[in-house]
């Protein structure tokens, strides 16, 4: 997992917004999710993808677990999950966690 900020994403033009963060990939699908304090993404257990996934933290803070190792995140962070990494976000702030997620595909 790599932690970036929203400022690290490509802006302008018609190229992919993840162009500099994850070269060679474009957004395939995505959405926006909301979690109250203590809420956990992917509560079903191990959760991995064959392609990168990007979380843009729009509101809130909490803990991200990557392959069982915990680290913090906050509003404005961009979390780039590598293929094969088991990942879970846990909302832990006063405000609900709101994040945009993108599943990528090769360009």
Protein backbone atom coordinates (compact mmCIF):
# COMPACT_ATOMS: atom_id res chain seq x y z
CA UNK A 1 0.00 0.00 0.00
CA UNK A 2 1.14 3.51 -0.78
CA UNK A 3 -0.26 6.60 0.93
CA UNK A 4 -0.53 9.76 -1.17
CA UNK A 5 -2.62 12.93 -0.98
CA UNK A 6 -5.30 14.30 -3.28
CA UNK A 7 -2.67 16.76 -4.57
CA UNK A 8 -0.67 13.82 -5.93
CA UNK A 9 -3.40 12.89 -8.41
CA UNK A 10 -3.23 14.11 -12.00
CA UNK A 11 -5.67 16.92 -12.74
CA UNK A 12 -6.76 18.62 -15.94
CA UNK A 13 -6.87 17.31 -19.48
CA UNK A 14 -8.66 14.12 -20.42
CA UNK A 15 -6.11 11.66 -19.00
CA UNK A 16 -6.85 9.40 -16.05
CA UNK A 17 -6.85 11.04 -12.61
CA UNK A 18 -4.72 8.13 -11.36
CA UNK A 19 -2.21 8.53 -14.20
CA UNK A 20 0.73 9.61 -12.05
CA UNK A 21 -0.27 7.64 -8.94
CA UNK A 22 -0.69 4.30 -10.73
CA UNK A 23 0.95 4.57 -14.17
CA UNK A 24 -0.49 2.28 -16.82
CA UNK A 25 -3.93 2.01 -15.19
CA UNK A 26 -7.27 3.75 -15.64
CA UNK A 27 -10.43 3.72 -13.52
CA UNK A 28 -12.70 0.80 -14.40
CA UNK A 29 -15.46 1.26 -11.83
CA UNK A 30 -15.98 2.80 -8.43
CA UNK A 31 -18.27 4.45 -5.97
CA UNK A 32 -18.61 6.38 -2.74
CA UNK A 33 -19.11 4.64 0.61
CA UNK A 34 -19.95 5.90 4.11
CA UNK A 35 -19.10 4.22 7.43
CA UNK A 36 -20.03 5.26 10.97
CA UNK A 37 -17.38 5.03 13.73
CA UNK A 38 -16.28 1.42 14.05
CA UNK A 39 -17.60 0.56 10.59
CA UNK A 40 -15.31 -1.67 8.53
CA UNK A 41 -15.01 -2.09 4.79
CA UNK A 42 -15.04 -5.68 3.58
CA UNK A 43 -16.22 -7.25 6.87
CA UNK A 44 -16.40 -10.70 5.27
CA UNK A 45 -12.75 -11.56 5.98
CA UNK A 46 -9.84 -11.67 3.55
CA UNK A 47 -10.40 -9.18 0.70
CA UNK A 48 -8.03 -8.91 -2.28
CA UNK A 49 -8.15 -7.89 -5.94
CA UNK A 50 -6.11 -8.80 -9.02
CA UNK A 51 -5.80 -5.10 -9.94
CA UNK A 52 -4.97 -1.99 -7.89
CA UNK A 53 -7.69 -0.28 -5.86
CA UNK A 54 -7.58 3.38 -4.84
CA UNK A 55 -9.38 4.90 -1.83
CA UNK A 56 -9.70 8.71 -1.69
CA UNK A 57 -10.59 9.74 1.87
CA UNK A 58 -13.13 12.56 1.51
CA UNK A 59 -14.12 12.81 5.20
CA UNK A 60 -13.12 11.20 8.47
CA UNK A 61 -10.16 9.22 9.70
CA UNK A 62 -9.36 5.76 10.92
CA UNK A 63 -7.13 2.75 10.48
CA UNK A 64 -6.25 0.81 7.35
CA UNK A 65 -5.21 -2.80 7.75
CA UNK A 66 -2.93 -4.16 5.01
CA UNK A 67 -2.10 -7.85 5.32
CA UNK A 68 -2.87 -7.58 9.05
CA UNK A 69 -0.67 -4.51 9.69
CA UNK A 70 -2.50 -1.36 10.84
CA UNK A 71 -1.74 2.23 9.88
CA UNK A 72 -3.64 5.49 10.14
CA UNK A 73 -5.37 7.60 7.52
CA UNK A 74 -7.22 10.95 7.49
CA UNK A 75 -9.19 13.26 5.23
CA UNK A 76 -7.27 14.03 2.04
CA UNK A 77 -5.26 10.80 1.99
CA UNK A 78 -5.20 8.63 -1.12
CA UNK A 79 -4.54 4.96 -0.41
CA UNK A 80 -3.26 2.85 -3.30
CA UNK A 81 -3.79 -0.84 -2.63
CA UNK A 82 -1.56 -3.16 -4.66
CA UNK A 83 -2.94 -6.29 -6.30
CA UNK A 84 -3.05 -9.18 -3.83
CA UNK A 85 -2.94 -7.04 -0.66
CA UNK A 86 -5.60 -7.99 1.92
CA UNK A 87 -7.15 -4.64 2.87
CA UNK A 88 -9.75 -3.21 5.26
CA UNK A 89 -10.52 0.36 6.34
CA UNK A 90 -11.99 0.98 9.80
CA UNK A 91 -13.70 4.30 10.55
CA UNK A 92 -12.41 5.80 13.77
CA UNK A 93 -13.01 9.53 13.77
CA UNK A 94 -15.73 11.82 15.11
CA UNK A 95 -17.14 12.24 11.59
CA UNK A 96 -18.33 9.27 9.55
CA UNK A 97 -15.77 7.98 7.07
CA UNK A 98 -16.68 8.89 3.50
CA UNK A 99 -14.41 7.50 0.81
CA UNK A 100 -14.38 7.21 -2.94
CA UNK A 101 -13.06 3.88 -4.19
CA UNK A 102 -11.83 2.97 -7.65
CA UNK A 103 -11.04 -0.43 -9.09
CA UNK A 104 -8.45 0.07 -11.83
CA UNK A 105 -7.71 -1.81 -15.05
CA UNK A 106 -4.69 -1.75 -17.33
CA UNK A 107 -4.80 1.14 -19.81
